[in-house]
C-alpha cells in the first residue's frame, strides 16, 4: 500500500514539473510561461526573410488594446546560438529540439497560440499579416472564453 502511494506521489509530482517545463531553451533551461495570458509561440529563423518581416506585425498587433493584456509573445530561433532578450516585446530563445516534438514545425515561420499550461489553441504555418493575425487572436480568445478557467 505504501509503495502505491509513493508511486502515485511521484507520478503527480512528475506531471506537475512537466507542465512547468513545456518549453526549453537551447541549453535545456525551462522557459517560464506567464500565467493568465495566452502565449503567441513563434518559431522563426534569423535566416528567414518572412520571419524577420513578420516580427513588426506581431509586435504592432499585440500592442492593440484588444490584445495587449491578453497575449504575450515568446519566440524560438531554430538557428539561434544564444537567447536574445534585447527586445522585451519579442523575447527570443535559442531553440531546443525537444520543443519541436511538442510543437511540430513544418517550416519557418510557424506560430502557435497556446495557454499557459501548453494547450494548443491555434496553429499557423507561414507568415502572418496584420489581418489574419488579428483573426487568429480573436479566435483564440473565443476558444478560451467558451471554456473559462483554462488559460
N, C-alpha and C. Protein backbone atom coordinates (compact mmCIF):
# COMPACT_ATOMS: atom_id res chain seq x y z
N UNK A 1 0.82 -1.20 0.00
CA UNK A 1 0.00 0.00 0.00
C UNK A 1 0.86 1.26 0.00
N UNK A 2 1.89 1.28 0.82
CA UNK A 2 2.78 2.44 0.87
C UNK A 2 3.48 2.61 -0.47
N UNK A 3 3.85 1.51 -1.08
CA UNK A 3 4.50 1.58 -2.40
C UNK A 3 3.58 2.24 -3.42
N UNK A 4 2.30 1.91 -3.40
CA UNK A 4 1.34 2.52 -4.33
C UNK A 4 1.22 4.03 -4.09
N UNK A 5 1.22 4.42 -2.84
CA UNK A 5 1.13 5.84 -2.51
C UNK A 5 2.37 6.59 -3.00
N UNK A 6 3.54 5.98 -2.81
CA UNK A 6 4.78 6.60 -3.26
C UNK A 6 4.79 6.74 -4.78
N UNK A 7 4.40 5.69 -5.48
CA UNK A 7 4.35 5.73 -6.95
C UNK A 7 3.37 6.81 -7.41
N UNK A 8 2.22 6.88 -6.78
CA UNK A 8 1.23 7.89 -7.13
C UNK A 8 1.77 9.30 -6.88
N UNK A 9 2.43 9.51 -5.76
CA UNK A 9 3.01 10.82 -5.45
C UNK A 9 4.07 11.21 -6.47
N UNK A 10 4.92 10.25 -6.87
CA UNK A 10 5.96 10.52 -7.87
C UNK A 10 5.32 10.89 -9.20
N UNK A 11 4.28 10.19 -9.59
CA UNK A 11 3.59 10.50 -10.85
C UNK A 11 2.96 11.88 -10.82
N UNK A 12 2.36 12.25 -9.72
CA UNK A 12 1.75 13.57 -9.60
C UNK A 12 2.82 14.66 -9.67
N UNK A 13 3.91 14.48 -8.95
CA UNK A 13 4.99 15.46 -8.99
C UNK A 13 5.61 15.55 -10.38
N UNK A 14 5.78 14.42 -11.03
CA UNK A 14 6.36 14.42 -12.38
C UNK A 14 5.45 15.14 -13.36
N UNK A 15 4.14 14.94 -13.25
CA UNK A 15 3.23 15.60 -14.18
C UNK A 15 3.22 17.10 -13.94
N UNK A 16 3.34 17.54 -12.69
CA UNK A 16 3.37 18.97 -12.41
C UNK A 16 4.65 19.60 -12.92
N UNK A 17 5.77 18.92 -12.76
CA UNK A 17 7.02 19.50 -13.25
C UNK A 17 7.05 19.51 -14.77
N UNK A 18 6.43 18.52 -15.42
CA UNK A 18 6.38 18.51 -16.88
C UNK A 18 5.58 19.70 -17.38
N UNK A 19 4.47 19.99 -16.70
CA UNK A 19 3.64 21.12 -17.12
C UNK A 19 4.42 22.42 -17.05
N UNK A 20 5.30 22.55 -16.07
CA UNK A 20 6.08 23.77 -15.94
C UNK A 20 7.24 23.81 -16.94
N UNK A 21 7.67 22.67 -17.42
CA UNK A 21 8.79 22.59 -18.36
C UNK A 21 8.30 22.30 -19.77
N UNK A 22 7.28 23.01 -20.20
CA UNK A 22 6.70 22.79 -21.52
C UNK A 22 7.71 23.12 -22.60
N UNK A 23 8.46 24.19 -22.42
CA UNK A 23 9.43 24.65 -23.41
C UNK A 23 10.80 24.79 -22.77
N UNK A 24 11.83 24.56 -23.59
CA UNK A 24 13.20 24.69 -23.11
C UNK A 24 14.01 25.54 -24.09
N UNK A 25 14.99 26.25 -23.54
CA UNK A 25 15.91 26.94 -24.43
C UNK A 25 16.98 25.96 -24.90
N UNK A 26 17.83 26.40 -25.77
CA UNK A 26 18.86 25.55 -26.38
C UNK A 26 19.71 24.82 -25.34
N UNK A 27 19.85 25.41 -24.18
CA UNK A 27 20.73 24.87 -23.15
C UNK A 27 19.99 23.95 -22.18
N UNK A 28 18.71 23.68 -22.46
CA UNK A 28 17.92 22.78 -21.62
C UNK A 28 17.25 23.46 -20.45
N UNK A 29 17.37 24.77 -20.35
CA UNK A 29 16.72 25.51 -19.26
C UNK A 29 15.24 25.69 -19.56
N UNK A 30 14.37 25.46 -18.56
CA UNK A 30 12.93 25.65 -18.81
C UNK A 30 12.62 27.13 -19.05
N UNK A 31 11.68 27.38 -19.94
CA UNK A 31 11.23 28.73 -20.24
C UNK A 31 9.95 28.96 -19.44
N UNK A 32 9.98 29.97 -18.59
CA UNK A 32 8.82 30.28 -17.75
C UNK A 32 7.71 30.88 -18.62
N UNK A 33 6.55 30.28 -18.52
CA UNK A 33 5.39 30.79 -19.26
C UNK A 33 4.54 31.64 -18.33
N UNK A 34 4.10 32.80 -18.81
CA UNK A 34 3.28 33.66 -17.97
C UNK A 34 1.91 33.02 -17.71
N UNK A 35 1.42 33.22 -16.51
CA UNK A 35 0.09 32.71 -16.18
C UNK A 35 -0.96 33.75 -16.54
N UNK A 36 -2.15 33.29 -16.79
CA UNK A 36 -3.30 34.15 -17.08
C UNK A 36 -3.16 34.98 -18.34
N UNK A 37 -2.34 34.53 -19.26
CA UNK A 37 -2.23 35.15 -20.58
C UNK A 37 -2.11 34.03 -21.60
N UNK A 38 -2.57 34.31 -22.79
CA UNK A 38 -2.33 33.39 -23.89
C UNK A 38 -0.97 33.71 -24.48
N UNK A 39 -0.32 32.69 -24.99
CA UNK A 39 1.04 32.84 -25.48
C UNK A 39 1.07 32.67 -26.99
N UNK A 40 1.65 33.65 -27.66
CA UNK A 40 1.92 33.54 -29.09
C UNK A 40 3.33 32.96 -29.16
N UNK A 41 3.39 31.70 -29.53
CA UNK A 41 4.64 30.94 -29.57
C UNK A 41 5.12 30.92 -31.01
N UNK A 42 6.16 31.69 -31.28
CA UNK A 42 6.62 31.89 -32.65
C UNK A 42 7.95 31.18 -32.87
N UNK A 43 7.95 30.21 -33.79
CA UNK A 43 9.19 29.54 -34.19
C UNK A 43 9.67 30.20 -35.47
N UNK A 44 10.89 30.74 -35.40
CA UNK A 44 11.42 31.51 -36.52
C UNK A 44 12.88 31.18 -36.72
N UNK A 45 13.45 31.77 -37.76
CA UNK A 45 14.88 31.63 -38.02
C UNK A 45 15.40 33.00 -38.42
N UNK A 46 16.58 33.33 -37.92
CA UNK A 46 17.19 34.61 -38.29
C UNK A 46 17.48 34.67 -39.79
N UNK A 47 17.67 33.50 -40.40
CA UNK A 47 17.98 33.43 -41.82
C UNK A 47 16.72 33.45 -42.70
N UNK A 48 15.55 33.55 -42.10
CA UNK A 48 14.27 33.51 -42.81
C UNK A 48 13.74 34.92 -43.00
N UNK A 49 13.65 35.37 -44.25
CA UNK A 49 13.15 36.71 -44.54
C UNK A 49 11.73 36.94 -44.09
N UNK A 50 10.85 35.94 -44.28
CA UNK A 50 9.45 36.07 -43.86
C UNK A 50 9.35 36.19 -42.34
N UNK A 51 10.22 35.45 -41.64
CA UNK A 51 10.23 35.51 -40.17
C UNK A 51 10.58 36.91 -39.69
N UNK A 52 11.62 37.46 -40.26
CA UNK A 52 12.07 38.79 -39.85
C UNK A 52 11.03 39.85 -40.21
N UNK A 53 10.36 39.67 -41.34
CA UNK A 53 9.35 40.65 -41.79
C UNK A 53 8.10 40.62 -40.92
N UNK A 54 7.77 39.47 -40.30
CA UNK A 54 6.55 39.41 -39.52
C UNK A 54 6.73 39.89 -38.08
N UNK A 55 7.94 40.05 -37.61
CA UNK A 55 8.16 40.50 -36.23
C UNK A 55 7.49 41.85 -35.96
N UNK A 56 7.68 42.86 -36.81
CA UNK A 56 6.99 44.14 -36.55
C UNK A 56 5.46 43.99 -36.57
N UNK A 57 4.94 43.11 -37.40
CA UNK A 57 3.50 42.88 -37.47
C UNK A 57 3.01 42.30 -36.15
N UNK A 58 3.69 41.28 -35.65
CA UNK A 58 3.30 40.65 -34.38
C UNK A 58 3.32 41.68 -33.26
N UNK A 59 4.40 42.44 -33.18
CA UNK A 59 4.53 43.43 -32.11
C UNK A 59 3.43 44.50 -32.21
N UNK A 60 3.16 44.98 -33.41
CA UNK A 60 2.16 46.03 -33.62
C UNK A 60 0.77 45.55 -33.18
N UNK A 61 0.38 44.37 -33.65
CA UNK A 61 -0.96 43.87 -33.34
C UNK A 61 -1.10 43.58 -31.85
N UNK A 62 -0.06 43.04 -31.23
CA UNK A 62 -0.15 42.73 -29.80
C UNK A 62 -0.17 43.98 -28.91
N UNK A 63 0.16 45.13 -29.46
CA UNK A 63 0.06 46.41 -28.72
C UNK A 63 -1.37 46.95 -28.72
N UNK A 64 -2.21 46.45 -29.59
CA UNK A 64 -3.58 46.96 -29.71
C UNK A 64 -4.37 46.66 -28.44
N UNK A 65 -5.23 47.59 -28.02
CA UNK A 65 -5.95 47.45 -26.75
C UNK A 65 -6.67 46.11 -26.57
N UNK A 66 -7.23 45.60 -27.64
CA UNK A 66 -7.98 44.34 -27.56
C UNK A 66 -7.09 43.15 -27.18
N UNK A 67 -5.79 43.26 -27.48
CA UNK A 67 -4.91 42.11 -27.31
C UNK A 67 -3.81 42.30 -26.27
N UNK A 68 -3.43 43.53 -25.97
CA UNK A 68 -2.21 43.76 -25.18
C UNK A 68 -2.25 43.18 -23.77
N UNK A 69 -3.40 43.07 -23.16
CA UNK A 69 -3.48 42.50 -21.81
C UNK A 69 -3.81 41.01 -21.81
N UNK A 70 -4.04 40.45 -22.98
CA UNK A 70 -4.44 39.05 -23.07
C UNK A 70 -3.37 38.13 -23.64
N UNK A 71 -2.37 38.70 -24.31
CA UNK A 71 -1.37 37.89 -25.01
C UNK A 71 0.05 38.34 -24.69
N UNK A 72 0.96 37.41 -24.82
CA UNK A 72 2.39 37.69 -24.75
C UNK A 72 3.06 36.83 -25.82
N UNK A 73 4.13 37.32 -26.39
CA UNK A 73 4.84 36.55 -27.41
C UNK A 73 6.12 35.97 -26.81
N UNK A 74 6.41 34.75 -27.19
CA UNK A 74 7.68 34.10 -26.88
C UNK A 74 8.15 33.48 -28.20
N UNK A 75 9.36 33.80 -28.60
CA UNK A 75 9.89 33.31 -29.87
C UNK A 75 11.04 32.34 -29.63
N UNK A 76 11.17 31.40 -30.55
CA UNK A 76 12.29 30.47 -30.55
C UNK A 76 12.96 30.52 -31.92
N UNK A 77 14.25 30.84 -31.91
CA UNK A 77 15.03 30.88 -33.15
C UNK A 77 15.65 29.50 -33.36
N UNK A 78 15.22 28.82 -34.42
CA UNK A 78 15.76 27.48 -34.63
C UNK A 78 17.22 27.51 -35.06
N UNK A 79 17.68 28.67 -35.52
CA UNK A 79 19.09 28.82 -35.87
C UNK A 79 19.82 29.73 -34.87
N UNK A 80 19.21 29.92 -33.70
CA UNK A 80 19.79 30.80 -32.69
C UNK A 80 20.92 30.12 -31.93
N UNK A 81 21.93 30.91 -31.62
CA UNK A 81 23.08 30.41 -30.85
C UNK A 81 22.95 30.78 -29.38
N UNK A 82 22.30 31.92 -29.09
CA UNK A 82 22.13 32.43 -27.73
C UNK A 82 20.71 32.95 -27.57
N UNK A 83 20.24 33.00 -26.32
CA UNK A 83 18.97 33.66 -26.03
C UNK A 83 19.16 35.16 -26.25
N UNK A 84 18.12 35.82 -26.75
CA UNK A 84 18.22 37.25 -27.06
C UNK A 84 17.01 37.98 -26.48
N UNK A 85 17.24 38.73 -25.41
CA UNK A 85 16.16 39.45 -24.75
C UNK A 85 16.30 40.96 -24.90
N UNK A 86 17.03 41.41 -25.92
CA UNK A 86 17.22 42.85 -26.13
C UNK A 86 15.91 43.56 -26.43
N UNK A 87 14.99 42.87 -27.09
CA UNK A 87 13.69 43.44 -27.41
C UNK A 87 12.65 42.84 -26.48
N UNK A 88 12.22 43.57 -25.44
CA UNK A 88 11.27 42.99 -24.48
C UNK A 88 9.91 42.65 -25.09
N UNK A 89 9.60 43.24 -26.24
CA UNK A 89 8.34 42.92 -26.91
C UNK A 89 8.44 41.63 -27.72
N UNK A 90 9.66 41.15 -27.93
CA UNK A 90 9.84 39.95 -28.74
C UNK A 90 11.03 39.14 -28.20
N UNK A 91 10.88 38.61 -26.95
CA UNK A 91 11.97 37.83 -26.38
C UNK A 91 12.19 36.56 -27.20
N UNK A 92 13.44 36.30 -27.53
CA UNK A 92 13.77 35.18 -28.41
C UNK A 92 14.76 34.25 -27.73
N UNK A 93 14.37 33.01 -27.66
CA UNK A 93 15.23 31.97 -27.10
C UNK A 93 15.85 31.18 -28.23
N UNK A 94 17.07 30.69 -28.01
CA UNK A 94 17.66 29.73 -28.93
C UNK A 94 16.89 28.42 -28.71
N UNK A 95 16.43 27.80 -29.77
CA UNK A 95 15.53 26.66 -29.68
C UNK A 95 16.22 25.37 -29.24
N UNK A 96 15.49 24.60 -28.44
CA UNK A 96 15.89 23.25 -28.06
C UNK A 96 15.08 22.28 -28.93
N UNK A 97 15.70 21.24 -29.47
CA UNK A 97 14.98 20.31 -30.36
C UNK A 97 13.73 19.67 -29.74
N UNK A 98 13.70 19.52 -28.42
CA UNK A 98 12.52 18.91 -27.78
C UNK A 98 11.27 19.75 -27.98
N UNK A 99 11.42 21.07 -28.17
CA UNK A 99 10.25 21.91 -28.40
C UNK A 99 9.49 21.49 -29.65
N UNK A 100 10.23 21.03 -30.64
CA UNK A 100 9.62 20.66 -31.91
C UNK A 100 8.91 19.31 -31.85
N UNK A 101 9.09 18.57 -30.78
CA UNK A 101 8.33 17.33 -30.59
C UNK A 101 6.92 17.71 -30.16
N UNK A 102 6.82 18.60 -29.22
CA UNK A 102 5.51 19.02 -28.72
C UNK A 102 4.81 19.98 -29.69
N UNK A 103 5.60 20.82 -30.35
CA UNK A 103 5.07 21.81 -31.29
C UNK A 103 5.76 21.63 -32.64
N UNK A 104 5.24 20.73 -33.48
CA UNK A 104 5.90 20.45 -34.77
C UNK A 104 6.01 21.69 -35.66
N UNK A 105 7.13 21.76 -36.35
CA UNK A 105 7.41 22.87 -37.25
C UNK A 105 7.61 22.30 -38.65
N UNK A 106 6.74 22.71 -39.57
CA UNK A 106 6.87 22.25 -40.96
C UNK A 106 7.81 23.15 -41.74
N UNK A 107 8.04 24.33 -41.23
CA UNK A 107 8.91 25.32 -41.85
C UNK A 107 8.80 26.58 -41.02
N UNK A 108 9.59 27.56 -41.37
CA UNK A 108 9.50 28.82 -40.62
C UNK A 108 8.92 29.91 -41.51
N UNK A 109 8.15 30.80 -40.93
CA UNK A 109 7.73 30.82 -39.54
C UNK A 109 6.56 29.87 -39.28
N UNK A 110 6.51 29.37 -38.06
CA UNK A 110 5.37 28.61 -37.55
C UNK A 110 5.00 29.23 -36.23
N UNK A 111 3.71 29.49 -36.04
CA UNK A 111 3.24 30.14 -34.83
C UNK A 111 2.11 29.33 -34.22
N UNK A 112 2.19 29.17 -32.92
CA UNK A 112 1.12 28.55 -32.14
C UNK A 112 0.59 29.58 -31.18
N UNK A 113 -0.69 29.51 -30.91
CA UNK A 113 -1.27 30.26 -29.80
C UNK A 113 -1.66 29.20 -28.78
N UNK A 114 -1.07 29.31 -27.58
CA UNK A 114 -1.25 28.29 -26.56
C UNK A 114 -1.67 28.93 -25.24
N UNK A 115 -2.17 28.09 -24.34
CA UNK A 115 -2.47 28.53 -22.99
C UNK A 115 -1.19 28.45 -22.16
N UNK A 116 -1.25 28.97 -20.95
CA UNK A 116 -0.06 28.96 -20.09
C UNK A 116 0.32 27.55 -19.62
N UNK A 117 -0.59 26.59 -19.81
CA UNK A 117 -0.23 25.20 -19.48
C UNK A 117 0.11 24.39 -20.74
N UNK A 118 0.25 25.08 -21.87
CA UNK A 118 0.72 24.43 -23.09
C UNK A 118 -0.34 23.87 -24.02
N UNK A 119 -1.61 24.10 -23.72
CA UNK A 119 -2.67 23.59 -24.60
C UNK A 119 -2.68 24.40 -25.90
N UNK A 120 -2.63 23.70 -27.02
CA UNK A 120 -2.65 24.35 -28.33
C UNK A 120 -4.06 24.81 -28.66
N UNK A 121 -4.18 26.10 -29.00
CA UNK A 121 -5.46 26.64 -29.42
C UNK A 121 -5.49 26.86 -30.92
N UNK A 122 -4.41 27.39 -31.47
CA UNK A 122 -4.32 27.74 -32.89
C UNK A 122 -2.93 27.36 -33.39
N UNK A 123 -2.86 26.85 -34.61
CA UNK A 123 -1.58 26.58 -35.28
C UNK A 123 -1.58 27.33 -36.60
N UNK A 124 -0.50 28.09 -36.83
CA UNK A 124 -0.40 28.91 -38.04
C UNK A 124 0.92 28.58 -38.73
N UNK A 125 0.84 28.07 -39.93
CA UNK A 125 2.04 27.80 -40.73
C UNK A 125 2.19 28.91 -41.75
N UNK A 126 3.35 29.53 -41.77
CA UNK A 126 3.61 30.61 -42.72
C UNK A 126 3.53 31.97 -42.05
N UNK A 127 3.86 32.97 -42.85
CA UNK A 127 3.95 34.34 -42.34
C UNK A 127 2.57 34.91 -42.02
N UNK A 128 2.56 35.76 -41.01
CA UNK A 128 1.35 36.43 -40.57
C UNK A 128 1.21 37.80 -41.21
N UNK A 129 -0.03 38.15 -41.54
CA UNK A 129 -0.35 39.53 -41.91
C UNK A 129 -1.11 40.11 -40.72
N UNK A 130 -1.24 41.43 -40.68
CA UNK A 130 -1.99 42.04 -39.59
C UNK A 130 -3.41 41.47 -39.55
N UNK A 131 -4.03 41.38 -40.71
CA UNK A 131 -5.43 40.94 -40.79
C UNK A 131 -5.60 39.51 -40.29
N UNK A 132 -4.78 38.58 -40.80
CA UNK A 132 -5.00 37.20 -40.36
C UNK A 132 -4.54 36.98 -38.93
N UNK A 133 -3.54 37.72 -38.46
CA UNK A 133 -3.10 37.59 -37.09
C UNK A 133 -4.20 38.02 -36.12
N UNK A 134 -4.86 39.13 -36.42
CA UNK A 134 -5.99 39.58 -35.59
C UNK A 134 -7.08 38.51 -35.56
N UNK A 135 -7.35 37.93 -36.71
CA UNK A 135 -8.39 36.89 -36.79
C UNK A 135 -8.02 35.71 -35.90
N UNK A 136 -6.77 35.26 -35.92
CA UNK A 136 -6.34 34.14 -35.10
C UNK A 136 -6.39 34.48 -33.61
N UNK A 137 -6.00 35.69 -33.25
CA UNK A 137 -6.04 36.09 -31.84
C UNK A 137 -7.47 36.12 -31.32
N UNK A 138 -8.38 36.66 -32.12
CA UNK A 138 -9.80 36.68 -31.73
C UNK A 138 -10.35 35.27 -31.58
N UNK A 139 -9.97 34.40 -32.50
CA UNK A 139 -10.41 33.00 -32.44
C UNK A 139 -9.90 32.33 -31.16
N UNK A 140 -8.66 32.58 -30.79
CA UNK A 140 -8.09 32.01 -29.57
C UNK A 140 -8.84 32.52 -28.34
N UNK A 141 -9.13 33.82 -28.31
CA UNK A 141 -9.88 34.38 -27.19
C UNK A 141 -11.26 33.75 -27.07
N UNK A 142 -11.92 33.52 -28.18
CA UNK A 142 -13.25 32.89 -28.16
C UNK A 142 -13.15 31.48 -27.60
N UNK A 143 -12.12 30.73 -28.00
CA UNK A 143 -11.96 29.37 -27.50
C UNK A 143 -11.78 29.35 -25.99
N UNK A 144 -11.00 30.29 -25.48
CA UNK A 144 -10.76 30.35 -24.04
C UNK A 144 -12.01 30.82 -23.29
N UNK A 145 -12.73 31.78 -23.85
CA UNK A 145 -13.94 32.28 -23.20
C UNK A 145 -15.03 31.22 -23.15
N UNK A 146 -15.03 30.31 -24.11
CA UNK A 146 -16.05 29.25 -24.10
C UNK A 146 -15.68 28.14 -23.12
N UNK A 147 -14.45 28.14 -22.64
CA UNK A 147 -14.01 27.16 -21.64
C UNK A 147 -13.30 27.93 -20.52
N UNK A 148 -14.03 28.71 -19.70
CA UNK A 148 -13.39 29.57 -18.71
C UNK A 148 -12.52 28.81 -17.72
N UNK A 149 -11.51 29.53 -17.23
CA UNK A 149 -10.61 28.96 -16.23
C UNK A 149 -9.58 28.04 -16.78
N UNK A 150 -9.39 28.03 -18.09
CA UNK A 150 -8.46 27.07 -18.70
C UNK A 150 -7.26 27.73 -19.35
N UNK A 151 -6.93 28.94 -18.98
CA UNK A 151 -5.77 29.58 -19.59
C UNK A 151 -4.52 28.96 -19.08
